[in-house]
Amino acid sequence: MSTPEIDADECSGCGICVDTCENEVLDIVGSTAAVVNEDSCTSCGSCAEECPMGAITVEEE
């Protein structure tokens, strides 16, 4: 499985991805989203789907 990759230049820090993730993988650190609980990620892609800025990708390994 892979974890979300966040493009900090595109992330607006809105927190939608944090609210979307049921496994508490993401949090806002500083002013952008960051992976804070990598082991809980199921690579479902919901964070990437809900990101209005298109700043998150989740690729299969």
PDB file of N, CA and C in Angstrom:
ATOM      1  N   MET A   1       0.837  -1.189   0.000  1.00  0.00           N
ATOM      2  CA  MET A   1       0.000   0.000   0.000  1.00  0.00           C
ATOM      3  C   MET A   1       0.878   1.247   0.000  1.00  0.00           C
ATOM      4  N   SER A   2       0.317   2.321  -0.487  1.00  0.00           N
ATOM      5  CA  SER A   2       1.069   3.567  -0.448  1.00  0.00           C
ATOM      6  C   SER A   2       0.280   4.612   0.316  1.00  0.00           C
ATOM      7  N   THR A   3       0.986   5.583   0.794  1.00  0.00           N
ATOM      8  CA  THR A   3       0.355   6.672   1.543  1.00  0.00           C
ATOM      9  C   THR A   3       0.172   7.877   0.630  1.00  0.00           C
ATOM     10  N   PRO A   4      -0.668   8.797   1.023  1.00  0.00           N
ATOM     11  CA  PRO A   4      -0.891   9.989   0.190  1.00  0.00           C
ATOM     12  C   PRO A   4       0.377  10.811   0.018  1.00  0.00           C
ATOM     13  N   GLU A   5       0.558  11.320  -1.184  1.00  0.00           N
ATOM     14  CA  GLU A   5       1.620  12.272  -1.468  1.00  0.00           C
ATOM     15  C   GLU A   5       0.948  13.636  -1.596  1.00  0.00           C
ATOM     16  N   ILE A   6       1.442  14.607  -0.861  1.00  0.00           N
ATOM     17  CA  ILE A   6       0.815  15.925  -0.842  1.00  0.00           C
ATOM     18  C   ILE A   6       1.745  16.944  -1.484  1.00  0.00           C
ATOM     19  N   ASP A   7       1.224  17.650  -2.488  1.00  0.00           N
ATOM     20  CA  ASP A   7       1.962  18.718  -3.145  1.00  0.00           C
ATOM     21  C   ASP A   7       1.740  19.991  -2.329  1.00  0.00           C
ATOM     22  N   ALA A   8       2.719  20.330  -1.506  1.00  0.00           N
ATOM     23  CA  ALA A   8       2.592  21.470  -0.595  1.00  0.00           C
ATOM     24  C   ALA A   8       2.374  22.783  -1.338  1.00  0.00           C
ATOM     25  N   ASP A   9       2.869  22.874  -2.574  1.00  0.00           N
ATOM     26  CA  ASP A   9       2.671  24.097  -3.351  1.00  0.00           C
ATOM     27  C   ASP A   9       1.220  24.266  -3.787  1.00  0.00           C
ATOM     28  N   GLU A  10       0.494  23.163  -3.911  1.00  0.00           N
ATOM     29  CA  GLU A  10      -0.908  23.206  -4.333  1.00  0.00           C
ATOM     30  C   GLU A  10      -1.886  23.188  -3.154  1.00  0.00           C
ATOM     31  N   CYS A  11      -1.460  22.670  -2.015  1.00  0.00           N
ATOM     32  CA  CYS A  11      -2.340  22.529  -0.852  1.00  0.00           C
ATOM     33  C   CYS A  11      -2.676  23.895  -0.258  1.00  0.00           C
ATOM     34  N   SER A  12      -3.969  24.120  -0.016  1.00  0.00           N
ATOM     35  CA  SER A  12      -4.407  25.399   0.570  1.00  0.00           C
ATOM     36  C   SER A  12      -4.584  25.300   2.085  1.00  0.00           C
ATOM     37  N   GLY A  13      -4.448  24.085   2.629  1.00  0.00           N
ATOM     38  CA  GLY A  13      -4.605  23.911   4.071  1.00  0.00           C
ATOM     39  C   GLY A  13      -6.047  23.964   4.530  1.00  0.00           C
ATOM     40  N   CYS A  14      -6.982  23.660   3.655  1.00  0.00           N
ATOM     41  CA  CYS A  14      -8.403  23.776   3.990  1.00  0.00           C
ATOM     42  C   CYS A  14      -8.878  22.721   4.985  1.00  0.00           C
ATOM     43  N   GLY A  15      -8.203  21.559   5.019  1.00  0.00           N
ATOM     44  CA  GLY A  15      -8.548  20.519   5.983  1.00  0.00           C
ATOM     45  C   GLY A  15      -9.625  19.549   5.547  1.00  0.00           C
ATOM     46  N   ILE A  16     -10.117  19.675   4.323  1.00  0.00           N
ATOM     47  CA  ILE A  16     -11.147  18.751   3.850  1.00  0.00           C
ATOM     48  C   ILE A  16     -10.622  17.321   3.869  1.00  0.00           C
ATOM     49  N   CYS A  17      -9.382  17.128   3.474  1.00  0.00           N
ATOM     50  CA  CYS A  17      -8.805  15.784   3.459  1.00  0.00           C
ATOM     51  C   CYS A  17      -8.715  15.203   4.868  1.00  0.00           C
ATOM     52  N   VAL A  18      -8.390  16.048   5.825  1.00  0.00           N
ATOM     53  CA  VAL A  18      -8.301  15.611   7.227  1.00  0.00           C
ATOM     54  C   VAL A  18      -9.661  15.142   7.703  1.00  0.00           C
ATOM     55  N   ASP A  19     -10.691  15.911   7.394  1.00  0.00           N
ATOM     56  CA  ASP A  19     -12.051  15.556   7.802  1.00  0.00           C
ATOM     57  C   ASP A  19     -12.558  14.316   7.071  1.00  0.00           C
ATOM     58  N   THR A  20     -12.102  14.104   5.847  1.00  0.00           N
ATOM     59  CA  THR A  20     -12.550  12.975   5.028  1.00  0.00           C
ATOM     60  C   THR A  20     -11.947  11.654   5.486  1.00  0.00           C
ATOM     61  N   CYS A  21     -10.715  11.677   5.942  1.00  0.00           N
ATOM     62  CA  CYS A  21     -10.009  10.442   6.284  1.00  0.00           C
ATOM     63  C   CYS A  21     -10.557   9.842   7.576  1.00  0.00           C
ATOM     64  N   GLU A  22     -11.102   8.624   7.450  1.00  0.00           N
ATOM     65  CA  GLU A  22     -11.674   7.937   8.610  1.00  0.00           C
ATOM     66  C   GLU A  22     -10.604   7.334   9.521  1.00  0.00           C
ATOM     67  N   ASN A  23      -9.375   7.235   9.019  1.00  0.00           N
ATOM     68  CA  ASN A  23      -8.302   6.592   9.785  1.00  0.00           C
ATOM     69  C   ASN A  23      -7.324   7.576  10.428  1.00  0.00           C
ATOM     70  N   GLU A  24      -7.637   8.864  10.369  1.00  0.00           N
ATOM     71  CA  GLU A  24      -6.818   9.912  10.977  1.00  0.00           C
ATOM     72  C   GLU A  24      -5.361   9.858  10.518  1.00  0.00           C
ATOM     73  N   VAL A  25      -5.191   9.681   9.195  1.00  0.00           N
ATOM     74  CA  VAL A  25      -3.856   9.609   8.610  1.00  0.00           C
ATOM     75  C   VAL A  25      -3.272  11.007   8.407  1.00  0.00           C
ATOM     76  N   LEU A  26      -4.131  11.972   8.120  1.00  0.00           N
ATOM     77  CA  LEU A  26      -3.679  13.317   7.784  1.00  0.00           C
ATOM     78  C   LEU A  26      -4.005  14.324   8.874  1.00  0.00           C
ATOM     79  N   ASP A  27      -3.205  15.395   8.888  1.00  0.00           N
ATOM     80  CA  ASP A  27      -3.486  16.537   9.762  1.00  0.00           C
ATOM     81  C   ASP A  27      -2.901  17.768   9.094  1.00  0.00           C
ATOM     82  N   ILE A  28      -3.325  18.926   9.536  1.00  0.00           N
ATOM     83  CA  ILE A  28      -2.752  20.167   9.030  1.00  0.00           C
ATOM     84  C   ILE A  28      -1.549  20.506   9.915  1.00  0.00           C
ATOM     85  N   VAL A  29      -0.400  20.607   9.287  1.00  0.00           N
ATOM     86  CA  VAL A  29       0.843  20.935   9.994  1.00  0.00           C
ATOM     87  C   VAL A  29       1.371  22.213   9.366  1.00  0.00           C
ATOM     88  N   GLY A  30       1.485  23.238  10.172  1.00  0.00           N
ATOM     89  CA  GLY A  30       1.821  24.546   9.616  1.00  0.00           C
ATOM     90  C   GLY A  30       0.616  25.046   8.849  1.00  0.00           C
ATOM     91  N   SER A  31       0.743  25.122   7.553  1.00  0.00           N
ATOM     92  CA  SER A  31      -0.386  25.587   6.739  1.00  0.00           C
ATOM     93  C   SER A  31      -0.756  24.603   5.638  1.00  0.00           C
ATOM     94  N   THR A  32      -0.217  23.378   5.708  1.00  0.00           N
ATOM     95  CA  THR A  32      -0.542  22.382   4.694  1.00  0.00           C
ATOM     96  C   THR A  32      -0.853  21.027   5.318  1.00  0.00           C
ATOM     97  N   ALA A  33      -1.483  20.180   4.542  1.00  0.00           N
ATOM     98  CA  ALA A  33      -1.776  18.822   4.992  1.00  0.00           C
ATOM     99  C   ALA A  33      -0.481  18.018   5.047  1.00  0.00           C
ATOM    100  N   ALA A  34      -0.448  17.079   5.969  1.00  0.00           N
ATOM    101  CA  ALA A  34       0.716  16.206   6.106  1.00  0.00           C
ATOM    102  C   ALA A  34       0.265  14.839   6.583  1.00  0.00           C
ATOM    103  N   VAL A  35       1.012  13.821   6.193  1.00  0.00           N
ATOM    104  CA  VAL A  35       0.757  12.463   6.664  1.00  0.00           C
ATOM    105  C   VAL A  35       1.349  12.361   8.064  1.00  0.00           C
ATOM    106  N   VAL A  36       0.487  12.080   9.051  1.00  0.00           N
ATOM    107  CA  VAL A  36       0.938  12.006  10.443  1.00  0.00           C
ATOM    108  C   VAL A  36       0.749  10.621  11.052  1.00  0.00           C
ATOM    109  N   ASN A  37       0.059   9.740  10.347  1.00  0.00           N
ATOM    110  CA  ASN A  37      -0.214   8.400  10.871  1.00  0.00           C
ATOM    111  C   ASN A  37      -0.170   7.402   9.711  1.00  0.00           C
ATOM    112  N   GLU A  38       0.996   7.282   9.110  1.00  0.00           N
ATOM    113  CA  GLU A  38       1.184   6.482   7.894  1.00  0.00           C
ATOM    114  C   GLU A  38       0.708   5.040   8.029  1.00  0.00           C
ATOM    115  N   ASP A  39       0.926   4.432   9.180  1.00  0.00           N
ATOM    116  CA  ASP A  39       0.569   3.027   9.380  1.00  0.00           C
ATOM    117  C   ASP A  39      -0.935   2.757   9.305  1.00  0.00           C
ATOM    118  N   SER A  40      -1.756   3.783   9.493  1.00  0.00           N
ATOM    119  CA  SER A  40      -3.208   3.604   9.460  1.00  0.00           C
ATOM    120  C   SER A  40      -3.815   3.785   8.078  1.00  0.00           C
ATOM    121  N   CYS A  41      -3.007   4.190   7.110  1.00  0.00           N
ATOM    122  CA  CYS A  41      -3.513   4.451   5.766  1.00  0.00           C
ATOM    123  C   CYS A  41      -3.867   3.143   5.060  1.00  0.00           C
ATOM    124  N   THR A  42      -5.060   3.110   4.448  1.00  0.00           N
ATOM    125  CA  THR A  42      -5.502   1.942   3.686  1.00  0.00           C
ATOM    126  C   THR A  42      -5.436   2.199   2.177  1.00  0.00           C
ATOM    127  N   SER A  43      -4.891   3.323   1.782  1.00  0.00           N
ATOM    128  CA  SER A  43      -4.767   3.719   0.369  1.00  0.00           C
ATOM    129  C   SER A  43      -6.109   3.767  -0.342  1.00  0.00           C
ATOM    130  N   CYS A  44      -7.153   4.155   0.372  1.00  0.00           N
ATOM    131  CA  CYS A  44      -8.492   4.186  -0.220  1.00  0.00           C
ATOM    132  C   CYS A  44      -8.660   5.314  -1.235  1.00  0.00           C
ATOM    133  N   GLY A  45      -7.888   6.391  -1.092  1.00  0.00           N
ATOM    134  CA  GLY A  45      -7.948   7.493  -2.046  1.00  0.00           C
ATOM    135  C   GLY A  45      -9.006   8.535  -1.773  1.00  0.00           C
ATOM    136  N   SER A  46      -9.755   8.401  -0.682  1.00  0.00           N
ATOM    137  CA  SER A  46     -10.826   9.370  -0.423  1.00  0.00           C
ATOM    138  C   SER A  46     -10.270  10.781  -0.208  1.00  0.00           C
ATOM    139  N   CYS A  47      -9.102  10.889   0.387  1.00  0.00           N
ATOM    140  CA  CYS A  47      -8.511  12.211   0.594  1.00  0.00           C
ATOM    141  C   CYS A  47      -8.211  12.888  -0.743  1.00  0.00           C
ATOM    142  N   ALA A  48      -7.672  12.119  -1.689  1.00  0.00           N
ATOM    143  CA  ALA A  48      -7.350  12.666  -3.005  1.00  0.00           C
ATOM    144  C   ALA A  48      -8.619  13.038  -3.769  1.00  0.00           C
ATOM    145  N   GLU A  49      -9.653  12.205  -3.650  1.00  0.00           N
ATOM    146  CA  GLU A  49     -10.916  12.474  -4.332  1.00  0.00           C
ATOM    147  C   GLU A  49     -11.574  13.754  -3.833  1.00  0.00           C
ATOM    148  N   GLU A  50     -11.475  14.017  -2.538  1.00  0.00           N
ATOM    149  CA  GLU A  50     -12.159  15.166  -1.939  1.00  0.00           C
ATOM    150  C   GLU A  50     -11.346  16.452  -1.966  1.00  0.00           C
ATOM    151  N   CYS A  51     -10.049  16.370  -2.248  1.00  0.00           N
ATOM    152  CA  CYS A  51      -9.197  17.576  -2.244  1.00  0.00           C
ATOM    153  C   CYS A  51      -9.601  18.520  -3.371  1.00  0.00           C
ATOM    154  N   PRO A  52     -10.087  19.717  -3.030  1.00  0.00           N
ATOM    155  CA  PRO A  52     -10.533  20.649  -4.073  1.00  0.00           C
ATOM    156  C   PRO A  52      -9.379  21.250  -4.876  1.00  0.00           C
ATOM    157  N   MET A  53      -8.155  21.148  -4.361  1.00  0.00           N
ATOM    158  CA  MET A  53      -7.000  21.725  -5.042  1.00  0.00           C
ATOM    159  C   MET A  53      -6.266  20.690  -5.905  1.00  0.00           C
ATOM    160  N   GLY A  54      -6.626  19.431  -5.784  1.00  0.00           N
ATOM    161  CA  GLY A  54      -5.928  18.391  -6.530  1.00  0.00           C
ATOM    162  C   GLY A  54      -4.504  18.195  -6.057  1.00  0.00           C
ATOM    163  N   ALA A  55      -4.279  18.464  -4.780  1.00  0.00           N
ATOM    164  CA  ALA A  55      -2.915  18.441  -4.222  1.00  0.00           C
ATOM    165  C   ALA A  55      -2.493  17.082  -3.698  1.00  0.00           C
ATOM    166  N   ILE A  56      -3.390  16.103  -3.718  1.00  0.00           N
ATOM    167  CA  ILE A  56      -3.082  14.800  -3.129  1.00  0.00           C
ATOM    168  C   ILE A  56      -3.177  13.703  -4.179  1.00  0.00           C
ATOM    169  N   THR A  57      -2.175  12.844  -4.195  1.00  0.00           N
ATOM    170  CA  THR A  57      -2.213  11.650  -5.033  1.00  0.00           C
ATOM    171  C   THR A  57      -1.956  10.443  -4.151  1.00  0.00           C
ATOM    172  N   VAL A  58      -2.595   9.338  -4.481  1.00  0.00           N
ATOM    173  CA  VAL A  58      -2.364   8.067  -3.806  1.00  0.00           C
ATOM    174  C   VAL A  58      -2.137   7.043  -4.904  1.00  0.00           C
ATOM    175  N   GLU A  59      -0.915   6.549  -4.983  1.00  0.00           N
ATOM    176  CA  GLU A  59      -0.571   5.605  -6.032  1.00  0.00           C
ATOM    177  C   GLU A  59      -0.402   4.216  -5.444  1.00  0.00           C
ATOM    178  N   GLU A  60      -0.827   3.220  -6.199  1.00  0.00           N
ATOM    179  CA  GLU A  60      -0.624   1.833  -5.788  1.00  0.00           C
ATOM    180  C   GLU A  60       0.844   1.500  -5.928  1.00  0.00           C
ATOM    181  N   GLU A  61       1.362   0.729  -4.984  1.00  0.00           N
ATOM    182  CA  GLU A  61       2.765   0.328  -5.055  1.00  0.00           C
ATOM    183  C   GLU A  61       2.928  -0.877  -5.940  1.00  0.00           C
TER     184      GLU A  61
END
